[in-house]
PDB file of N, CA and C in Angstrom:
ATOM      1  N   MET A   1      26.602  -4.983  -0.536  1.00  0.00           N
ATOM      2  CA  MET A   1      25.720  -5.708   0.689  1.00  0.00           C
ATOM      3  C   MET A   1      26.253  -7.153   0.946  1.00  0.00           C
ATOM      4  N   LYS A   2      26.510  -7.487   2.097  1.00  0.00           N
ATOM      5  CA  LYS A   2      26.815  -8.715   2.646  1.00  0.00           C
ATOM      6  C   LYS A   2      25.623  -9.597   3.285  1.00  0.00           C
ATOM      7  N   LYS A   3      25.788 -10.689   3.291  1.00  0.00           N
ATOM      8  CA  LYS A   3      24.672 -11.494   3.959  1.00  0.00           C
ATOM      9  C   LYS A   3      25.016 -11.783   5.432  1.00  0.00           C
ATOM     10  N   TYR A   4      24.032 -11.670   6.403  1.00  0.00           N
ATOM     11  CA  TYR A   4      24.505 -11.947   7.591  1.00  0.00           C
ATOM     12  C   TYR A   4      23.238 -12.867   8.241  1.00  0.00           C
ATOM     13  N   GLU A   5      23.384 -13.575   9.516  1.00  0.00           N
ATOM     14  CA  GLU A   5      22.576 -14.324  10.203  1.00  0.00           C
ATOM     15  C   GLU A   5      22.751 -13.656  11.499  1.00  0.00           C
ATOM     16  N   ILE A   6      21.469 -13.064  11.920  1.00  0.00           N
ATOM     17  CA  ILE A   6      21.389 -12.341  13.286  1.00  0.00           C
ATOM     18  C   ILE A   6      20.500 -13.210  14.198  1.00  0.00           C
ATOM     19  N   MET A   7      21.219 -13.564  15.468  1.00  0.00           N
ATOM     20  CA  MET A   7      20.226 -14.209  16.358  1.00  0.00           C
ATOM     21  C   MET A   7      20.250 -13.440  17.564  1.00  0.00           C
ATOM     22  N   PHE A   8      18.979 -13.340  18.329  1.00  0.00           N
ATOM     23  CA  PHE A   8      19.044 -12.662  19.427  1.00  0.00           C
ATOM     24  C   PHE A   8      18.174 -13.265  20.472  1.00  0.00           C
ATOM     25  N   VAL A   9      18.329 -13.111  21.724  1.00  0.00           N
ATOM     26  CA  VAL A   9      17.604 -13.794  22.683  1.00  0.00           C
ATOM     27  C   VAL A   9      16.998 -12.752  23.793  1.00  0.00           C
ATOM     28  N   VAL A  10      15.372 -12.731  23.719  1.00  0.00           N
ATOM     29  CA  VAL A  10      14.650 -11.597  24.435  1.00  0.00           C
ATOM     30  C   VAL A  10      14.280 -12.463  25.828  1.00  0.00           C
ATOM     31  N   ARG A  11      14.260 -11.567  27.003  1.00  0.00           N
ATOM     32  CA  ARG A  11      14.024 -11.898  28.198  1.00  0.00           C
ATOM     33  C   ARG A  11      12.633 -12.700  28.064  1.00  0.00           C
ATOM     34  N   PRO A  12      12.446 -13.651  29.189  1.00  0.00           N
ATOM     35  CA  PRO A  12      11.289 -14.520  29.090  1.00  0.00           C
ATOM     36  C   PRO A  12      10.339 -14.011  30.171  1.00  0.00           C
ATOM     37  N   ASP A  13      10.578 -13.148  30.747  1.00  0.00           N
ATOM     38  CA  ASP A  13       9.639 -12.580  31.869  1.00  0.00           C
ATOM     39  C   ASP A  13       8.797 -11.316  31.357  1.00  0.00           C
ATOM     40  N   MET A  14       8.785 -11.106  30.191  1.00  0.00           N
ATOM     41  CA  MET A  14       7.781 -10.142  29.671  1.00  0.00           C
ATOM     42  C   MET A  14       6.520 -10.573  29.082  1.00  0.00           C
ATOM     43  N   GLU A  15       5.531  -9.924  28.703  1.00  0.00           N
ATOM     44  CA  GLU A  15       4.342 -10.135  28.156  1.00  0.00           C
ATOM     45  C   GLU A  15       4.624 -10.421  26.628  1.00  0.00           C
ATOM     46  N   GLU A  16       3.563 -11.436  26.141  1.00  0.00           N
ATOM     47  CA  GLU A  16       3.998 -11.805  24.764  1.00  0.00           C
ATOM     48  C   GLU A  16       3.972 -10.763  23.826  1.00  0.00           C
ATOM     49  N   ALA A  17       3.208  -9.503  23.998  1.00  0.00           N
ATOM     50  CA  ALA A  17       3.167  -8.504  23.090  1.00  0.00           C
ATOM     51  C   ALA A  17       4.461  -7.586  23.230  1.00  0.00           C
ATOM     52  N   GLU A  18       5.072  -7.520  24.333  1.00  0.00           N
ATOM     53  CA  GLU A  18       6.189  -7.043  24.779  1.00  0.00           C
ATOM     54  C   GLU A  18       7.400  -7.617  24.024  1.00  0.00           C
ATOM     55  N   ILE A  19       7.256  -8.904  23.895  1.00  0.00           N
ATOM     56  CA  ILE A  19       8.444  -9.594  23.431  1.00  0.00           C
ATOM     57  C   ILE A  19       8.269  -9.494  21.842  1.00  0.00           C
ATOM     58  N   LYS A  20       7.185  -9.621  21.259  1.00  0.00           N
ATOM     59  CA  LYS A  20       6.745  -9.256  19.746  1.00  0.00           C
ATOM     60  C   LYS A  20       7.365  -7.885  19.462  1.00  0.00           C
ATOM     61  N   LYS A  21       7.067  -6.917  20.339  1.00  0.00           N
ATOM     62  CA  LYS A  21       7.198  -5.451  19.951  1.00  0.00           C
ATOM     63  C   LYS A  21       8.845  -5.453  20.115  1.00  0.00           C
ATOM     64  N   THR A  22       9.572  -6.081  20.823  1.00  0.00           N
ATOM     65  CA  THR A  22      11.086  -5.946  21.035  1.00  0.00           C
ATOM     66  C   THR A  22      11.481  -6.545  19.731  1.00  0.00           C
ATOM     67  N   ALA A  23      11.249  -7.550  19.141  1.00  0.00           N
ATOM     68  CA  ALA A  23      11.620  -8.094  17.745  1.00  0.00           C
ATOM     69  C   ALA A  23      11.373  -7.387  16.808  1.00  0.00           C
ATOM     70  N   GLU A  24      10.012  -6.577  16.638  1.00  0.00           N
ATOM     71  CA  GLU A  24       9.855  -5.621  15.632  1.00  0.00           C
ATOM     72  C   GLU A  24      10.721  -4.442  15.636  1.00  0.00           C
ATOM     73  N   ASP A  25      10.986  -4.066  16.998  1.00  0.00           N
ATOM     74  CA  ASP A  25      11.873  -2.864  16.958  1.00  0.00           C
ATOM     75  C   ASP A  25      13.228  -3.005  16.458  1.00  0.00           C
ATOM     76  N   MET A  26      13.797  -4.309  16.603  1.00  0.00           N
ATOM     77  CA  MET A  26      15.190  -4.839  16.161  1.00  0.00           C
ATOM     78  C   MET A  26      14.965  -4.805  14.523  1.00  0.00           C
ATOM     79  N   LYS A  27      13.957  -5.292  14.083  1.00  0.00           N
ATOM     80  CA  LYS A  27      13.844  -5.444  12.757  1.00  0.00           C
ATOM     81  C   LYS A  27      13.797  -4.099  12.135  1.00  0.00           C
ATOM     82  N   LYS A  28      12.993  -2.968  12.632  1.00  0.00           N
ATOM     83  CA  LYS A  28      12.988  -1.728  12.236  1.00  0.00           C
ATOM     84  C   LYS A  28      14.353  -1.104  12.163  1.00  0.00           C
ATOM     85  N   VAL A  29      15.284  -1.486  13.259  1.00  0.00           N
ATOM     86  CA  VAL A  29      16.678  -1.053  13.357  1.00  0.00           C
ATOM     87  C   VAL A  29      17.338  -1.438  12.003  1.00  0.00           C
ATOM     88  N   LEU A  30      17.112  -2.529  11.468  1.00  0.00           N
ATOM     89  CA  LEU A  30      17.668  -3.159  10.311  1.00  0.00           C
ATOM     90  C   LEU A  30      17.148  -2.383   9.209  1.00  0.00           C
ATOM     91  N   LYS A  31      15.900  -2.175   9.150  1.00  0.00           N
ATOM     92  CA  LYS A  31      15.311  -1.818   7.992  1.00  0.00           C
ATOM     93  C   LYS A  31      15.740  -0.164   7.770  1.00  0.00           C
ATOM     94  N   ASP A  32      15.786   0.625   8.845  1.00  0.00           N
ATOM     95  CA  ASP A  32      16.083   1.955   9.108  1.00  0.00           C
ATOM     96  C   ASP A  32      17.522   2.000   8.428  1.00  0.00           C
ATOM     97  N   SER A  33      18.406   1.127   8.521  1.00  0.00           N
ATOM     98  CA  SER A  33      19.738   1.075   8.069  1.00  0.00           C
ATOM     99  C   SER A  33      19.698   0.446   6.550  1.00  0.00           C
ATOM    100  N   LYS A  34      18.675   0.425   6.012  1.00  0.00           N
ATOM    101  CA  LYS A  34      18.808  -0.131   4.465  1.00  0.00           C
ATOM    102  C   LYS A  34      18.927  -1.513   4.251  1.00  0.00           C
ATOM    103  N   ALA A  35      18.920  -2.351   5.457  1.00  0.00           N
ATOM    104  CA  ALA A  35      19.115  -3.964   5.259  1.00  0.00           C
ATOM    105  C   ALA A  35      17.648  -4.488   4.946  1.00  0.00           C
ATOM    106  N   LYS A  36      18.065  -5.433   3.972  1.00  0.00           N
ATOM    107  CA  LYS A  36      16.938  -6.211   3.309  1.00  0.00           C
ATOM    108  C   LYS A  36      16.929  -7.684   4.038  1.00  0.00           C
ATOM    109  N   ILE A  37      15.541  -7.717   4.714  1.00  0.00           N
ATOM    110  CA  ILE A  37      15.297  -9.177   5.424  1.00  0.00           C
ATOM    111  C   ILE A  37      14.890 -10.053   4.637  1.00  0.00           C
ATOM    112  N   ILE A  38      15.651 -11.119   4.520  1.00  0.00           N
ATOM    113  CA  ILE A  38      15.501 -12.403   3.556  1.00  0.00           C
ATOM    114  C   ILE A  38      14.813 -13.315   4.318  1.00  0.00           C
ATOM    115  N   GLU A  39      14.753 -13.580   5.568  1.00  0.00           N
ATOM    116  CA  GLU A  39      14.139 -14.528   6.312  1.00  0.00           C
ATOM    117  C   GLU A  39      14.005 -14.279   7.803  1.00  0.00           C
ATOM    118  N   GLU A  40      12.981 -14.454   8.454  1.00  0.00           N
ATOM    119  CA  GLU A  40      12.702 -14.055   9.854  1.00  0.00           C
ATOM    120  C   GLU A  40      12.141 -15.406  10.513  1.00  0.00           C
ATOM    121  N   LYS A  41      12.730 -15.750  11.734  1.00  0.00           N
ATOM    122  CA  LYS A  41      11.983 -16.758  12.350  1.00  0.00           C
ATOM    123  C   LYS A  41      11.995 -16.665  13.910  1.00  0.00           C
ATOM    124  N   MET A  42      10.781 -16.786  14.199  1.00  0.00           N
ATOM    125  CA  MET A  42      10.672 -16.819  15.800  1.00  0.00           C
ATOM    126  C   MET A  42      11.047 -18.259  16.253  1.00  0.00           C
ATOM    127  N   ILE A  43      11.915 -18.628  16.701  1.00  0.00           N
ATOM    128  CA  ILE A  43      12.145 -19.861  17.062  1.00  0.00           C
ATOM    129  C   ILE A  43      11.455 -20.475  18.323  1.00  0.00           C
ATOM    130  N   GLY A  44      11.244 -19.464  19.432  1.00  0.00           N
ATOM    131  CA  GLY A  44      10.615 -19.770  20.368  1.00  0.00           C
ATOM    132  C   GLY A  44      11.283 -19.706  21.742  1.00  0.00           C
ATOM    133  N   GLN A  45      10.774 -20.258  22.719  1.00  0.00           N
ATOM    134  CA  GLN A  45      11.206 -20.227  24.194  1.00  0.00           C
ATOM    135  C   GLN A  45      12.194 -21.701  24.335  1.00  0.00           C
ATOM    136  N   LYS A  46      13.487 -21.223  24.536  1.00  0.00           N
ATOM    137  CA  LYS A  46      14.342 -22.351  24.639  1.00  0.00           C
ATOM    138  C   LYS A  46      15.266 -22.211  26.064  1.00  0.00           C
ATOM    139  N   GLU A  47      15.585 -23.256  26.484  1.00  0.00           N
ATOM    140  CA  GLU A  47      16.658 -23.229  27.379  1.00  0.00           C
ATOM    141  C   GLU A  47      17.906 -22.526  27.116  1.00  0.00           C
ATOM    142  N   LEU A  48      18.445 -21.735  27.987  1.00  0.00           N
ATOM    143  CA  LEU A  48      19.948 -21.160  27.805  1.00  0.00           C
ATOM    144  C   LEU A  48      20.856 -22.190  28.144  1.00  0.00           C
ATOM    145  N   ALA A  49      22.073 -22.025  27.610  1.00  0.00           N
ATOM    146  CA  ALA A  49      23.195 -23.127  27.913  1.00  0.00           C
ATOM    147  C   ALA A  49      23.626 -22.657  29.251  1.00  0.00           C
ATOM    148  N   TYR A  50      23.505 -21.570  29.667  1.00  0.00           N
ATOM    149  CA  TYR A  50      24.008 -20.993  31.077  1.00  0.00           C
ATOM    150  C   TYR A  50      22.990 -19.857  31.543  1.00  0.00           C
ATOM    151  N   GLU A  51      23.010 -19.549  32.841  1.00  0.00           N
ATOM    152  CA  GLU A  51      22.110 -18.483  33.215  1.00  0.00           C
ATOM    153  C   GLU A  51      22.718 -17.034  32.928  1.00  0.00           C
ATOM    154  N   ILE A  52      21.793 -16.490  32.492  1.00  0.00           N
ATOM    155  CA  ILE A  52      22.170 -14.868  31.880  1.00  0.00           C
ATOM    156  C   ILE A  52      21.129 -13.830  32.796  1.00  0.00           C
ATOM    157  N   LYS A  53      21.666 -13.208  33.474  1.00  0.00           N
ATOM    158  CA  LYS A  53      20.876 -12.050  34.182  1.00  0.00           C
ATOM    159  C   LYS A  53      19.801 -12.871  35.042  1.00  0.00           C
ATOM    160  N   LYS A  54      20.161 -13.916  35.775  1.00  0.00           N
ATOM    161  CA  LYS A  54      19.411 -14.787  36.441  1.00  0.00           C
ATOM    162  C   LYS A  54      18.217 -15.430  35.637  1.00  0.00           C
ATOM    163  N   PHE A  55      18.346 -15.542  34.307  1.00  0.00           N
ATOM    164  CA  PHE A  55      17.200 -16.228  33.475  1.00  0.00           C
ATOM    165  C   PHE A  55      17.986 -17.682  32.989  1.00  0.00           C
ATOM    166  N   ASN A  56      16.918 -18.710  32.900  1.00  0.00           N
ATOM    167  CA  ASN A  56      17.378 -19.835  32.367  1.00  0.00           C
ATOM    168  C   ASN A  56      16.807 -20.068  31.110  1.00  0.00           C
ATOM    169  N   THR A  57      15.901 -19.366  30.548  1.00  0.00           N
ATOM    170  CA  THR A  57      15.315 -19.616  29.342  1.00  0.00           C
ATOM    171  C   THR A  57      15.181 -18.078  28.618  1.00  0.00           C
ATOM    172  N   GLY A  58      14.954 -18.089  27.371  1.00  0.00           N
ATOM    173  CA  GLY A  58      14.766 -16.929  26.628  1.00  0.00           C
ATOM    174  C   GLY A  58      13.990 -17.277  25.182  1.00  0.00           C
ATOM    175  N   TYR A  59      13.704 -16.326  24.642  1.00  0.00           N
ATOM    176  CA  TYR A  59      12.795 -16.342  23.264  1.00  0.00           C
ATOM    177  C   TYR A  59      13.878 -16.022  22.155  1.00  0.00           C
ATOM    178  N   TYR A  60      13.879 -17.211  21.465  1.00  0.00           N
ATOM    179  CA  TYR A  60      14.949 -16.798  20.307  1.00  0.00           C
ATOM    180  C   TYR A  60      14.437 -16.456  19.057  1.00  0.00           C
ATOM    181  N   TYR A  61      15.085 -15.422  18.120  1.00  0.00           N
ATOM    182  CA  TYR A  61      14.831 -15.006  17.000  1.00  0.00           C
ATOM    183  C   TYR A  61      15.963 -15.117  16.066  1.00  0.00           C
ATOM    184  N   LEU A  62      15.625 -15.431  14.871  1.00  0.00           N
ATOM    185  CA  LEU A  62      16.593 -15.417  13.963  1.00  0.00           C
ATOM    186  C   LEU A  62      16.157 -14.549  12.796  1.00  0.00           C
ATOM    187  N   TYR A  63      17.185 -13.746  12.225  1.00  0.00           N
ATOM    188  CA  TYR A  63      17.018 -12.929  11.094  1.00  0.00           C
ATOM    189  C   TYR A  63      18.188 -13.283   9.954  1.00  0.00           C
ATOM    190  N   VAL A  64      17.898 -13.283   8.750  1.00  0.00           N
ATOM    191  CA  VAL A  64      18.969 -13.695   7.660  1.00  0.00           C
ATOM    192  C   VAL A  64      18.711 -12.216   6.888  1.00  0.00           C
ATOM    193  N   VAL A  65      19.808 -11.504   6.871  1.00  0.00           N
ATOM    194  CA  VAL A  65      19.742 -10.138   6.228  1.00  0.00           C
ATOM    195  C   VAL A  65      20.805  -9.924   5.313  1.00  0.00           C
ATOM    196  N   GLU A  66      20.438  -8.993   4.223  1.00  0.00           N
ATOM    197  CA  GLU A  66      21.570  -8.445   3.265  1.00  0.00           C
ATOM    198  C   GLU A  66      21.629  -7.127   3.843  1.00  0.00           C
ATOM    199  N   ALA A  67      22.812  -6.759   4.362  1.00  0.00           N
ATOM    200  CA  ALA A  67      23.174  -5.572   5.010  1.00  0.00           C
ATOM    201  C   ALA A  67      24.382  -4.931   4.513  1.00  0.00           C
ATOM    202  N   ASN A  68      24.623  -3.520   4.876  1.00  0.00           N
ATOM    203  CA  ASN A  68      26.009  -3.078   4.703  1.00  0.00           C
ATOM    204  C   ASN A  68      26.694  -3.138   6.205  1.00  0.00           C
ATOM    205  N   PRO A  69      27.948  -3.044   6.354  1.00  0.00           N
ATOM    206  CA  PRO A  69      28.376  -3.079   7.701  1.00  0.00           C
ATOM    207  C   PRO A  69      27.990  -1.954   8.563  1.00  0.00           C
ATOM    208  N   ALA A  70      27.777  -1.015   8.126  1.00  0.00           N
ATOM    209  CA  ALA A  70      26.893  -0.035   8.972  1.00  0.00           C
ATOM    210  C   ALA A  70      25.618  -0.418   9.914  1.00  0.00           C
ATOM    211  N   ALA A  71      24.781  -1.141   9.016  1.00  0.00           N
ATOM    212  CA  ALA A  71      23.514  -1.600   9.424  1.00  0.00           C
ATOM    213  C   ALA A  71      23.892  -2.782  10.686  1.00  0.00           C
ATOM    214  N   GLU A  72      24.989  -3.584  10.399  1.00  0.00           N
ATOM    215  CA  GLU A  72      25.308  -4.601  11.343  1.00  0.00           C
ATOM    216  C   GLU A  72      25.842  -3.869  12.618  1.00  0.00           C
ATOM    217  N   GLN A  73      26.546  -2.941  12.464  1.00  0.00           N
ATOM    218  CA  GLN A  73      27.016  -1.897  13.713  1.00  0.00           C
ATOM    219  C   GLN A  73      26.000  -1.507  14.605  1.00  0.00           C
ATOM    220  N   GLU A  74      24.973  -0.859  13.785  1.00  0.00           N
ATOM    221  CA  GLU A  74      23.816  -0.167  14.320  1.00  0.00           C
ATOM    222  C   GLU A  74      23.042  -1.288  15.062  1.00  0.00           C
ATOM    223  N   PHE A  75      22.948  -2.451  14.559  1.00  0.00           N
ATOM    224  CA  PHE A  75      21.932  -3.422  15.192  1.00  0.00           C
ATOM    225  C   PHE A  75      22.882  -3.874  16.478  1.00  0.00           C
ATOM    226  N   ASN A  76      24.153  -4.033  16.500  1.00  0.00           N
ATOM    227  CA  ASN A  76      24.753  -4.398  17.628  1.00  0.00           C
ATOM    228  C   ASN A  76      24.676  -3.255  18.843  1.00  0.00           C
ATOM    229  N   ARG A  77      24.534  -2.232  18.421  1.00  0.00           N
ATOM    230  CA  ARG A  77      24.755  -1.008  19.380  1.00  0.00           C
ATOM    231  C   ARG A  77      23.422  -1.156  19.962  1.00  0.00           C
ATOM    232  N   VAL A  78      22.332  -1.163  19.270  1.00  0.00           N
ATOM    233  CA  VAL A  78      21.007  -1.153  19.945  1.00  0.00           C
ATOM    234  C   VAL A  78      20.747  -2.176  20.627  1.00  0.00           C
ATOM    235  N   ALA A  79      21.293  -3.582  20.250  1.00  0.00           N
ATOM    236  CA  ALA A  79      20.952  -4.859  20.968  1.00  0.00           C
ATOM    237  C   ALA A  79      21.672  -4.642  22.511  1.00  0.00           C
ATOM    238  N   ARG A  80      22.895  -4.148  22.491  1.00  0.00           N
ATOM    239  CA  ARG A  80      23.719  -3.903  23.669  1.00  0.00           C
ATOM    240  C   ARG A  80      23.100  -2.980  24.833  1.00  0.00           C
ATOM    241  N   ILE A  81      22.250  -1.972  24.257  1.00  0.00           N
ATOM    242  CA  ILE A  81      21.629  -1.079  25.121  1.00  0.00           C
ATOM    243  C   ILE A  81      20.111  -1.370  25.503  1.00  0.00           C
ATOM    244  N   ASN A  82      19.572  -2.090  24.732  1.00  0.00           N
ATOM    245  CA  ASN A  82      18.172  -2.821  24.786  1.00  0.00           C
ATOM    246  C   ASN A  82      18.117  -3.795  25.847  1.00  0.00           C
ATOM    247  N   GLU A  83      17.594  -3.485  27.070  1.00  0.00           N
ATOM    248  CA  GLU A  83      17.617  -4.400  28.362  1.00  0.00           C
ATOM    249  C   GLU A  83      16.696  -5.383  28.172  1.00  0.00           C
ATOM    250  N   SER A  84      15.859  -5.612  27.151  1.00  0.00           N
ATOM    251  CA  SER A  84      15.013  -6.802  26.763  1.00  0.00           C
ATOM    252  C   SER A  84      15.653  -7.842  26.161  1.00  0.00           C
ATOM    253  N   ILE A  85      16.869  -7.347  25.505  1.00  0.00           N
ATOM    254  CA  ILE A  85      17.729  -8.447  24.891  1.00  0.00           C
ATOM    255  C   ILE A  85      18.898  -8.902  25.739  1.00  0.00           C
ATOM    256  N   LEU A  86      18.769 -10.236  26.066  1.00  0.00           N
ATOM    257  CA  LEU A  86      19.862 -10.995  26.771  1.00  0.00           C
ATOM    258  C   LEU A  86      21.032 -11.193  26.220  1.00  0.00           C
ATOM    259  N   ARG A  87      21.096 -11.603  24.951  1.00  0.00           N
ATOM    260  CA  ARG A  87      22.254 -11.900  24.188  1.00  0.00           C
ATOM    261  C   ARG A  87      21.924 -11.688  22.619  1.00  0.00           C
ATOM    262  N   SER A  88      22.856 -11.246  21.762  1.00  0.00           N
ATOM    263  CA  SER A  88      22.697 -11.255  20.406  1.00  0.00           C
ATOM    264  C   SER A  88      23.893 -11.645  19.691  1.00  0.00           C
ATOM    265  N   ILE A  89      23.844 -12.289  18.533  1.00  0.00           N
ATOM    266  CA  ILE A  89      25.208 -12.497  17.756  1.00  0.00           C
ATOM    267  C   ILE A  89      24.875 -12.314  16.321  1.00  0.00           C
ATOM    268  N   VAL A  90      25.833 -11.733  15.659  1.00  0.00           N
ATOM    269  CA  VAL A  90      25.774 -11.472  14.139  1.00  0.00           C
ATOM    270  C   VAL A  90      26.999 -12.146  13.421  1.00  0.00           C
ATOM    271  N   VAL A  91      26.575 -13.039  12.575  1.00  0.00           N
ATOM    272  CA  VAL A  91      27.619 -13.718  11.809  1.00  0.00           C
ATOM    273  C   VAL A  91      27.452 -13.557  10.253  1.00  0.00           C
ATOM    274  N   ARG A  92      28.540 -13.042   9.766  1.00  0.00           N
ATOM    275  CA  ARG A  92      28.610 -12.990   8.231  1.00  0.00           C
ATOM    276  C   ARG A  92      28.591 -14.139   7.709  1.00  0.00           C
ATOM    277  N   VAL A  93      27.754 -14.471   6.615  1.00  0.00           N
ATOM    278  CA  VAL A  93      27.582 -15.625   5.894  1.00  0.00           C
ATOM    279  C   VAL A  93      28.315 -15.535   4.422  1.00  0.00           C
ATOM    280  N   GLU A  94      29.311 -16.489   4.190  1.00  0.00           N
ATOM    281  CA  GLU A  94      29.975 -16.432   2.987  1.00  0.00           C
ATOM    282  C   GLU A  94      29.126 -17.104   2.007  1.00  0.00           C
ATOM    283  N   GLU A  95      29.189 -16.595   0.748  1.00  0.00           N
ATOM    284  CA  GLU A  95      28.361 -17.461  -0.357  1.00  0.00           C
ATOM    285  C   GLU A  95      29.240 -17.866  -1.219  1.00  0.00           C
TER     286      GLU A  95
END
């Protein structure tokens, strides 16, 4: 198991419940892939460095997880096809 930091940005034009559901869905993808979530943080609405899909802001989420590479790949796959997510990044943390 490797340690990863996962950050993703959710579209700001959705209802608060939909935003939280998107974050929960992404957490479920990780848990279903047998990842262990060490820390989760809803950072909140922040301005983006540049416009993405005509949005200037987004809701940032950060998860720190212990997972196998398959879980990381599945998260990336789902994040790419989920239209509620503007951007995501997964970084492996060296210990």
